[in-house]
PDB file of all heavy atoms in Angstrom:
ATOM      1  N   PRO A   1     137.792 108.564-102.086  1.00  0.00           N
ATOM      2  CA  PRO A   1     137.547 107.126-101.991  1.00  0.00           C
ATOM      3  C   PRO A   1     138.089 106.439-100.744  1.00  0.00           C
ATOM      4  O   PRO A   1     137.943 105.213-100.626  1.00  0.00           O
ATOM      5  CB  PRO A   1     138.235 106.607-103.259  1.00  0.00           C
ATOM      6  CG  PRO A   1     139.387 107.524-103.467  1.00  0.00           C
ATOM      7  CD  PRO A   1     138.910 108.889-102.990  1.00  0.00           C
ATOM      8  N   VAL A   2     138.723 107.172 -99.836  1.00  0.00           N
ATOM      9  CA  VAL A   2     139.325 106.546 -98.665  1.00  0.00           C
ATOM     10  C   VAL A   2     138.311 106.496 -97.528  1.00  0.00           C
ATOM     11  O   VAL A   2     137.651 107.474 -97.214  1.00  0.00           O
ATOM     12  CB  VAL A   2     140.588 107.288 -98.217  1.00  0.00           C
ATOM     13  CG1 VAL A   2     141.091 106.743 -96.876  1.00  0.00           C
ATOM     14  CG2 VAL A   2     141.657 107.183 -99.273  1.00  0.00           C
ATOM     15  N   SER A   3     138.213 105.328 -96.899  1.00  0.00           N
ATOM     16  CA  SER A   3     137.337 105.136 -95.731  1.00  0.00           C
ATOM     17  C   SER A   3     138.211 104.942 -94.510  1.00  0.00           C
ATOM     18  O   SER A   3     139.144 104.135 -94.509  1.00  0.00           O
ATOM     19  CB  SER A   3     136.453 103.900 -95.957  1.00  0.00           C
ATOM     20  OG  SER A   3     135.705 103.608 -94.811  1.00  0.00           O
ATOM     21  N   GLY A   4     137.897 105.641 -93.439  1.00  0.00           N
ATOM     22  CA  GLY A   4     138.703 105.491 -92.212  1.00  0.00           C
ATOM     23  C   GLY A   4     140.044 106.166 -92.314  1.00  0.00           C
ATOM     24  O   GLY A   4     141.034 105.660 -91.779  1.00  0.00           O
ATOM     25  N   GLY A   5     140.078 107.291 -92.958  1.00  0.00           N
ATOM     26  CA  GLY A   5     141.333 108.024 -93.149  1.00  0.00           C
ATOM     27  C   GLY A   5     141.116 109.102 -94.189  1.00  0.00           C
ATOM     28  O   GLY A   5     139.997 109.501 -94.450  1.00  0.00           O
ATOM     29  N   ASN A   6     142.190 109.610 -94.779  1.00  0.00           N
ATOM     30  CA  ASN A   6     142.053 110.620 -95.801  1.00  0.00           C
ATOM     31  C   ASN A   6     142.930 110.300 -96.989  1.00  0.00           C
ATOM     32  O   ASN A   6     143.942 109.579 -96.867  1.00  0.00           O
ATOM     33  CB  ASN A   6     142.373 112.017 -95.240  1.00  0.00           C
ATOM     34  CG  ASN A   6     143.781 112.104 -94.673  1.00  0.00           C
ATOM     35  OD1 ASN A   6     144.751 112.152 -95.401  1.00  0.00           O
ATOM     36  ND2 ASN A   6     143.893 112.084 -93.339  1.00  0.00           N
ATOM     37  N   THR A   7     142.566 110.795 -98.123  1.00  0.00           N
ATOM     38  CA  THR A   7     143.285 110.520 -99.371  1.00  0.00           C
ATOM     39  C   THR A   7     144.730 110.956 -99.320  1.00  0.00           C
ATOM     40  O   THR A   7     145.614 110.253 -99.846  1.00  0.00           O
ATOM     41  CB  THR A   7     142.553 111.211-100.541  1.00  0.00           C
ATOM     42  OG1 THR A   7     141.202 110.775-100.607  1.00  0.00           O
ATOM     43  CG2 THR A   7     143.251 110.895-101.876  1.00  0.00           C
ATOM     44  N   GLU A   8     145.006 112.076 -98.689  1.00  0.00           N
ATOM     45  CA  GLU A   8     146.374 112.600 -98.625  1.00  0.00           C
ATOM     46  C   GLU A   8     147.316 111.643 -97.909  1.00  0.00           C
ATOM     47  O   GLU A   8     148.530 111.716 -98.055  1.00  0.00           O
ATOM     48  CB  GLU A   8     146.376 113.961 -97.941  1.00  0.00           C
ATOM     49  CG  GLU A   8     145.690 115.079 -98.693  1.00  0.00           C
ATOM     50  CD  GLU A   8     144.171 114.961 -98.695  1.00  0.00           C
ATOM     51  OE1 GLU A   8     143.636 114.269 -97.801  1.00  0.00           O
ATOM     52  OE2 GLU A   8     143.524 115.517 -99.573  1.00  0.00           O
ATOM     53  N   ASP A   9     146.766 110.743 -97.107  1.00  0.00           N
ATOM     54  CA  ASP A   9     147.574 109.800 -96.329  1.00  0.00           C
ATOM     55  C   ASP A   9     147.861 108.508 -97.102  1.00  0.00           C
ATOM     56  O   ASP A   9     148.426 107.576 -96.546  1.00  0.00           O
ATOM     57  CB  ASP A   9     146.833 109.467 -95.026  1.00  0.00           C
ATOM     58  CG  ASP A   9     147.776 108.987 -93.927  1.00  0.00           C
ATOM     59  OD1 ASP A   9     148.923 109.506 -93.867  1.00  0.00           O
ATOM     60  OD2 ASP A   9     147.409 108.076 -93.185  1.00  0.00           O
ATOM     61  N   ARG A  10     147.423 108.463 -98.365  1.00  0.00           N
ATOM     62  CA  ARG A  10     147.616 107.288 -99.235  1.00  0.00           C
ATOM     63  C   ARG A  10     148.392 107.735-100.472  1.00  0.00           C
ATOM     64  O   ARG A  10     147.787 108.047-101.502  1.00  0.00           O
ATOM     65  CB  ARG A  10     146.291 106.655 -99.647  1.00  0.00           C
ATOM     66  CG  ARG A  10     145.347 106.319 -98.507  1.00  0.00           C
ATOM     67  CD  ARG A  10     145.829 105.118 -97.684  1.00  0.00           C
ATOM     68  NE  ARG A  10     144.768 104.596 -96.865  1.00  0.00           N
ATOM     69  CZ  ARG A  10     144.370 105.064 -95.688  1.00  0.00           C
ATOM     70  NH1 ARG A  10     145.001 106.147 -95.191  1.00  0.00           N
ATOM     71  NH2 ARG A  10     143.392 104.488 -94.985  1.00  0.00           N
ATOM     72  N   PRO A  11     149.728 107.766-100.423  1.00  0.00           N
ATOM     73  CA  PRO A  11     150.524 108.321-101.529  1.00  0.00           C
ATOM     74  C   PRO A  11     150.256 107.670-102.889  1.00  0.00           C
ATOM     75  O   PRO A  11     150.241 108.354-103.910  1.00  0.00           O
ATOM     76  CB  PRO A  11     151.977 108.048-101.102  1.00  0.00           C
ATOM     77  CG  PRO A  11     151.888 107.965 -99.610  1.00  0.00           C
ATOM     78  CD  PRO A  11     150.590 107.361 -99.289  1.00  0.00           C
ATOM     79  N   MET A  12     149.979 106.360-102.915  1.00  0.00           N
ATOM     80  CA  MET A  12     149.745 105.704-104.188  1.00  0.00           C
ATOM     81  C   MET A  12     148.449 106.163-104.852  1.00  0.00           C
ATOM     82  O   MET A  12     148.261 106.007-106.052  1.00  0.00           O
ATOM     83  CB  MET A  12     149.724 104.182-104.003  1.00  0.00           C
ATOM     84  CG  MET A  12     149.612 103.383-105.300  1.00  0.00           C
ATOM     85  SD  MET A  12     150.944 103.678-106.468  1.00  0.00           S
ATOM     86  CE  MET A  12     152.205 102.539-105.857  1.00  0.00           C
ATOM     87  N   LEU A  13     147.553 106.740-104.055  1.00  0.00           N
ATOM     88  CA  LEU A  13     146.307 107.260-104.574  1.00  0.00           C
ATOM     89  C   LEU A  13     146.297 108.777-104.657  1.00  0.00           C
ATOM     90  O   LEU A  13     145.758 109.363-105.605  1.00  0.00           O
ATOM     91  CB  LEU A  13     145.174 106.821-103.635  1.00  0.00           C
ATOM     92  CG  LEU A  13     143.758 107.366-103.918  1.00  0.00           C
ATOM     93  CD1 LEU A  13     143.217 106.793-105.227  1.00  0.00           C
ATOM     94  CD2 LEU A  13     142.835 106.995-102.764  1.00  0.00           C
ATOM     95  N   ALA A  14     146.945 109.432-103.715  1.00  0.00           N
ATOM     96  CA  ALA A  14     146.878 110.880-103.590  1.00  0.00           C
ATOM     97  C   ALA A  14     147.355 111.616-104.849  1.00  0.00           C
ATOM     98  O   ALA A  14     146.832 112.690-105.199  1.00  0.00           O
ATOM     99  CB  ALA A  14     147.670 111.354-102.365  1.00  0.00           C
ATOM    100  N   TRP A  15     148.365 111.059-105.524  1.00  0.00           N
ATOM    101  CA  TRP A  15     148.916 111.750-106.687  1.00  0.00           C
ATOM    102  C   TRP A  15     147.878 111.933-107.792  1.00  0.00           C
ATOM    103  O   TRP A  15     147.954 112.901-108.602  1.00  0.00           O
ATOM    104  CB  TRP A  15     150.122 111.015-107.219  1.00  0.00           C
ATOM    105  CG  TRP A  15     149.843 109.662-107.844  1.00  0.00           C
ATOM    106  CD1 TRP A  15     149.793 108.477-107.192  1.00  0.00           C
ATOM    107  CD2 TRP A  15     149.508 109.386-109.197  1.00  0.00           C
ATOM    108  NE1 TRP A  15     149.481 107.464-108.052  1.00  0.00           N
ATOM    109  CE2 TRP A  15     149.310 108.004-109.298  1.00  0.00           C
ATOM    110  CE3 TRP A  15     149.386 110.172-110.339  1.00  0.00           C
ATOM    111  CZ2 TRP A  15     148.938 107.357-110.486  1.00  0.00           C
ATOM    112  CZ3 TRP A  15     149.037 109.555-111.558  1.00  0.00           C
ATOM    113  CH2 TRP A  15     148.821 108.179-111.614  1.00  0.00           C
ATOM    114  N   ILE A  16     146.894 111.059-107.870  1.00  0.00           N
ATOM    115  CA  ILE A  16     145.850 111.154-108.900  1.00  0.00           C
ATOM    116  C   ILE A  16     145.072 112.452-108.736  1.00  0.00           C
ATOM    117  O   ILE A  16     144.610 113.044-109.708  1.00  0.00           O
ATOM    118  CB  ILE A  16     144.892 109.935-108.839  1.00  0.00           C
ATOM    119  CG1 ILE A  16     145.688 108.672-109.169  1.00  0.00           C
ATOM    120  CG2 ILE A  16     143.728 110.128-109.780  1.00  0.00           C
ATOM    121  CD1 ILE A  16     144.845 107.399-109.030  1.00  0.00           C
ATOM    122  N   PHE A  17     144.927 112.904-107.475  1.00  0.00           N
ATOM    123  CA  PHE A  17     144.157 114.102-107.204  1.00  0.00           C
ATOM    124  C   PHE A  17     145.037 115.313-106.926  1.00  0.00           C
ATOM    125  O   PHE A  17     144.539 116.393-106.568  1.00  0.00           O
ATOM    126  CB  PHE A  17     143.222 113.854-106.011  1.00  0.00           C
ATOM    127  CG  PHE A  17     142.323 112.660-106.215  1.00  0.00           C
ATOM    128  CD1 PHE A  17     142.594 111.468-105.548  1.00  0.00           C
ATOM    129  CD2 PHE A  17     141.270 112.698-107.123  1.00  0.00           C
ATOM    130  CE1 PHE A  17     141.765 110.347-105.735  1.00  0.00           C
ATOM    131  CE2 PHE A  17     140.458 111.558-107.331  1.00  0.00           C
ATOM    132  CZ  PHE A  17     140.715 110.393-106.648  1.00  0.00           C
ATOM    133  N   SER A  18     146.328 115.150-107.096  1.00  0.00           N
ATOM    134  CA  SER A  18     147.259 116.250-106.815  1.00  0.00           C
ATOM    135  C   SER A  18     147.313 117.280-107.964  1.00  0.00           C
ATOM    136  O   SER A  18     147.698 118.424-107.777  1.00  0.00           O
ATOM    137  CB  SER A  18     148.663 115.723-106.559  1.00  0.00           C
ATOM    138  OG  SER A  18     149.204 115.122-107.737  1.00  0.00           O
ATOM    139  N   GLU A  19     146.972 116.823-109.170  1.00  0.00           N
ATOM    140  CA  GLU A  19     146.985 117.706-110.328  1.00  0.00           C
ATOM    141  C   GLU A  19     145.711 117.456-111.157  1.00  0.00           C
ATOM    142  O   GLU A  19     145.301 116.299-111.330  1.00  0.00           O
ATOM    143  CB  GLU A  19     148.227 117.470-111.204  1.00  0.00           C
ATOM    144  CG  GLU A  19     149.530 117.830-110.536  1.00  0.00           C
ATOM    145  CD  GLU A  19     150.707 117.690-111.495  1.00  0.00           C
ATOM    146  OE1 GLU A  19     150.481 117.667-112.716  1.00  0.00           O
ATOM    147  OE2 GLU A  19     151.837 117.559-110.991  1.00  0.00           O
ATOM    148  N   ASP A  20     145.165 118.507-111.690  1.00  0.00           N
ATOM    149  CA  ASP A  20     143.940 118.385-112.508  1.00  0.00           C
ATOM    150  C   ASP A  20     144.135 117.441-113.697  1.00  0.00           C
ATOM    151  O   ASP A  20     143.185 116.730-114.078  1.00  0.00           O
ATOM    152  CB  ASP A  20     143.470 119.735-113.003  1.00  0.00           C
ATOM    153  CG  ASP A  20     142.951 120.626-111.886  1.00  0.00           C
ATOM    154  OD1 ASP A  20     142.651 120.092-110.788  1.00  0.00           O
ATOM    155  OD2 ASP A  20     142.852 121.855-112.076  1.00  0.00           O
ATOM    156  N   ALA A  21     145.336 117.414-114.266  1.00  0.00           N
ATOM    157  CA  ALA A  21     145.567 116.597-115.433  1.00  0.00           C
ATOM    158  C   ALA A  21     145.396 115.116-115.113  1.00  0.00           C
ATOM    159  O   ALA A  21     144.808 114.366-115.912  1.00  0.00           O
ATOM    160  CB  ALA A  21     146.977 116.859-115.984  1.00  0.00           C
ATOM    161  N   TYR A  22     145.915 114.707-113.953  1.00  0.00           N
ATOM    162  CA  TYR A  22     145.799 113.290-113.565  1.00  0.00           C
ATOM    163  C   TYR A  22     144.353 112.953-113.191  1.00  0.00           C
ATOM    164  O   TYR A  22     143.846 111.874-113.507  1.00  0.00           O
ATOM    165  CB  TYR A  22     146.722 113.000-112.381  1.00  0.00           C
ATOM    166  CG  TYR A  22     148.181 113.100-112.701  1.00  0.00           C
ATOM    167  CD1 TYR A  22     149.038 113.835-111.849  1.00  0.00           C
ATOM    168  CD2 TYR A  22     148.722 112.490-113.821  1.00  0.00           C
ATOM    169  CE1 TYR A  22     150.386 113.940-112.144  1.00  0.00           C
ATOM    170  CE2 TYR A  22     150.073 112.595-114.110  1.00  0.00           C
ATOM    171  CZ  TYR A  22     150.905 113.323-113.258  1.00  0.00           C
ATOM    172  OH  TYR A  22     152.255 113.434-113.551  1.00  0.00           O
ATOM    173  N   THR A  23     143.673 113.896-112.518  1.00  0.00           N
ATOM    174  CA  THR A  23     142.277 113.656-112.132  1.00  0.00           C
ATOM    175  C   THR A  23     141.415 113.533-113.374  1.00  0.00           C
ATOM    176  O   THR A  23     140.504 112.714-113.440  1.00  0.00           O
ATOM    177  CB  THR A  23     141.762 114.793-111.254  1.00  0.00           C
ATOM    178  OG1 THR A  23     142.624 115.017-110.140  1.00  0.00           O
ATOM    179  CG2 THR A  23     140.365 114.493-110.729  1.00  0.00           C
ATOM    180  N   GLU A  24     141.737 114.324-114.396  1.00  0.00           N
ATOM    181  CA  GLU A  24     140.961 114.247-115.651  1.00  0.00           C
ATOM    182  C   GLU A  24     141.171 112.893-116.333  1.00  0.00           C
ATOM    183  O   GLU A  24     140.207 112.325-116.857  1.00  0.00           O
ATOM    184  CB  GLU A  24     141.418 115.372-116.588  1.00  0.00           C
ATOM    185  CG  GLU A  24     140.728 115.385-117.937  1.00  0.00           C
ATOM    186  CD  GLU A  24     139.214 115.536-117.848  1.00  0.00           C
ATOM    187  OE1 GLU A  24     138.710 116.128-116.874  1.00  0.00           O
ATOM    188  OE2 GLU A  24     138.520 115.037-118.766  1.00  0.00           O
ATOM    189  N   ILE A  25     142.400 112.378-116.302  1.00  0.00           N
ATOM    190  CA  ILE A  25     142.626 111.033-116.861  1.00  0.00           C
ATOM    191  C   ILE A  25     141.839 109.993-116.095  1.00  0.00           C
ATOM    192  O   ILE A  25     141.217 109.091-116.697  1.00  0.00           O
ATOM    193  CB  ILE A  25     144.160 110.698-116.816  1.00  0.00           C
ATOM    194  CG1 ILE A  25     144.933 111.648-117.729  1.00  0.00           C
ATOM    195  CG2 ILE A  25     144.371 109.239-117.240  1.00  0.00           C
ATOM    196  CD1 ILE A  25     146.443 111.479-117.582  1.00  0.00           C
ATOM    197  N   TYR A  26     141.844 110.116-114.798  1.00  0.00           N
ATOM    198  CA  TYR A  26     141.063 109.210-113.915  1.00  0.00           C
ATOM    199  C   TYR A  26     139.563 109.261-114.285  1.00  0.00           C
ATOM    200  O   TYR A  26     138.934 108.225-114.445  1.00  0.00           O
ATOM    201  CB  TYR A  26     141.300 109.665-112.468  1.00  0.00           C
ATOM    202  CG  TYR A  26     140.445 109.033-111.387  1.00  0.00           C
ATOM    203  CD1 TYR A  26     140.625 107.702-111.006  1.00  0.00           C
ATOM    204  CD2 TYR A  26     139.503 109.819-110.703  1.00  0.00           C
ATOM    205  CE1 TYR A  26     139.844 107.161-109.974  1.00  0.00           C
ATOM    206  CE2 TYR A  26     138.771 109.290-109.659  1.00  0.00           C
ATOM    207  CZ  TYR A  26     138.938 107.973-109.294  1.00  0.00           C
ATOM    208  OH  TYR A  26     138.188 107.431-108.257  1.00  0.00           O
ATOM    209  N   HIS A  27     139.056 110.447-114.485  1.00  0.00           N
ATOM    210  CA  HIS A  27     137.638 110.587-114.877  1.00  0.00           C
ATOM    211  C   HIS A  27     137.389 110.031-116.277  1.00  0.00           C
ATOM    212  O   HIS A  27     136.327 109.433-116.541  1.00  0.00           O
ATOM    213  CB  HIS A  27     137.218 112.048-114.809  1.00  0.00           C
ATOM    214  CG  HIS A  27     137.062 112.563-113.416  1.00  0.00           C
ATOM    215  ND1 HIS A  27     136.789 113.872-113.115  1.00  0.00           N
ATOM    216  CD2 HIS A  27     137.105 111.925-112.202  1.00  0.00           C
ATOM    217  CE1 HIS A  27     136.686 114.052-111.808  1.00  0.00           C
ATOM    218  NE2 HIS A  27     136.883 112.865-111.238  1.00  0.00           N
ATOM    219  N   GLN A  28     138.318 110.216-117.165  1.00  0.00           N
ATOM    220  CA  GLN A  28     138.176 109.682-118.523  1.00  0.00           C
ATOM    221  C   GLN A  28     138.107 108.169-118.523  1.00  0.00           C
ATOM    222  O   GLN A  28     137.271 107.566-119.195  1.00  0.00           O
ATOM    223  CB  GLN A  28     139.342 110.168-119.395  1.00  0.00           C
ATOM    224  CG  GLN A  28     139.278 111.639-119.776  1.00  0.00           C
ATOM    225  CD  GLN A  28     140.503 112.091-120.538  1.00  0.00           C
ATOM    226  OE1 GLN A  28     141.441 111.324-120.788  1.00  0.00           O
ATOM    227  NE2 GLN A  28     140.535 113.368-120.893  1.00  0.00           N
ATOM    228  N   TYR A  29     138.993 107.531-117.750  1.00  0.00           N
ATOM    229  CA  TYR A  29     138.967 106.074-117.642  1.00  0.00           C
ATOM    230  C   TYR A  29     137.717 105.593-116.950  1.00  0.00           C
ATOM    231  O   TYR A  29     137.142 104.543-117.313  1.00  0.00           O
ATOM    232  CB  TYR A  29     140.204 105.567-116.910  1.00  0.00           C
ATOM    233  CG  TYR A  29     141.436 105.481-117.780  1.00  0.00           C
ATOM    234  CD1 TYR A  29     142.681 105.951-117.341  1.00  0.00           C
ATOM    235  CD2 TYR A  29     141.380 104.914-119.058  1.00  0.00           C
ATOM    236  CE1 TYR A  29     143.810 105.877-118.124  1.00  0.00           C
ATOM    237  CE2 TYR A  29     142.519 104.839-119.860  1.00  0.00           C
ATOM    238  CZ  TYR A  29     143.723 105.332-119.385  1.00  0.00           C
ATOM    239  OH  TYR A  29     144.853 105.239-120.169  1.00  0.00           O
ATOM    240  N   PHE A  30     137.269 106.332-115.967  1.00  0.00           N
ATOM    241  CA  PHE A  30     136.017 105.972-115.284  1.00  0.00           C
ATOM    242  C   PHE A  30     134.827 106.044-116.274  1.00  0.00           C
ATOM    243  O   PHE A  30     133.965 105.166-116.316  1.00  0.00           O
ATOM    244  CB  PHE A  30     135.747 106.900-114.107  1.00  0.00           C
ATOM    245  CG  PHE A  30     135.522 106.202-112.795  1.00  0.00           C
ATOM    246  CD1 PHE A  30     136.152 106.616-111.636  1.00  0.00           C
ATOM    247  CD2 PHE A  30     134.669 105.110-112.725  1.00  0.00           C
ATOM    248  CE1 PHE A  30     135.949 105.970-110.420  1.00  0.00           C
ATOM    249  CE2 PHE A  30     134.460 104.432-111.511  1.00  0.00           C
ATOM    250  CZ  PHE A  30     135.097 104.875-110.373  1.00  0.00           C
ATOM    251  N   SER A  31     134.812 107.113-117.051  1.00  0.00           N
ATOM    252  CA  SER A  31     133.751 107.305-118.053  1.00  0.00           C
ATOM    253  C   SER A  31     133.772 106.174-119.074  1.00  0.00           C
ATOM    254  O   SER A  31     132.725 105.639-119.479  1.00  0.00           O
ATOM    255  CB  SER A  31     133.918 108.658-118.739  1.00  0.00           C
ATOM    256  OG  SER A  31     132.840 108.942-119.563  1.00  0.00           O
ATOM    257  N   GLN A  32     134.977 105.800-119.498  1.00  0.00           N
ATOM    258  CA  GLN A  32     135.146 104.683-120.454  1.00  0.00           C
ATOM    259  C   GLN A  32     134.630 103.386-119.839  1.00  0.00           C
ATOM    260  O   GLN A  32     133.942 102.611-120.489  1.00  0.00           O
ATOM    261  CB  GLN A  32     136.611 104.553-120.859  1.00  0.00           C
ATOM    262  CG  GLN A  32     136.892 103.411-121.837  1.00  0.00           C
ATOM    263  CD  GLN A  32     138.370 103.235-122.103  1.00  0.00           C
ATOM    264  OE1 GLN A  32     139.218 104.033-121.651  1.00  0.00           O
ATOM    265  NE2 GLN A  32     138.734 102.218-122.840  1.00  0.00           N
ATOM    266  N   PHE A  33     134.973 103.139-118.600  1.00  0.00           N
ATOM    267  CA  PHE A  33     134.555 101.918-117.887  1.00  0.00           C
ATOM    268  C   PHE A  33     133.034 101.854-117.813  1.00  0.00           C
ATOM    269  O   PHE A  33     132.436 100.818-118.122  1.00  0.00           O
ATOM    270  CB  PHE A  33     135.163 101.941-116.498  1.00  0.00           C
ATOM    271  CG  PHE A  33     134.692 100.840-115.590  1.00  0.00           C
ATOM    272  CD1 PHE A  33     134.997  99.507-115.826  1.00  0.00           C
ATOM    273  CD2 PHE A  33     133.922 101.138-114.456  1.00  0.00           C
ATOM    274  CE1 PHE A  33     134.557  98.496-114.977  1.00  0.00           C
ATOM    275  CE2 PHE A  33     133.485 100.128-113.608  1.00  0.00           C
ATOM    276  CZ  PHE A  33     133.798  98.810-113.873  1.00  0.00           C
TER     277      PHE A  33
END
């Protein structure tokens, strides 16, 4: 989701994609939304 840079350079966002468990929660909330 980062434009003009990379996700790894945004610590507040990068952790969501650092582990599958967090990414899955992210996808679950997206699906609910």
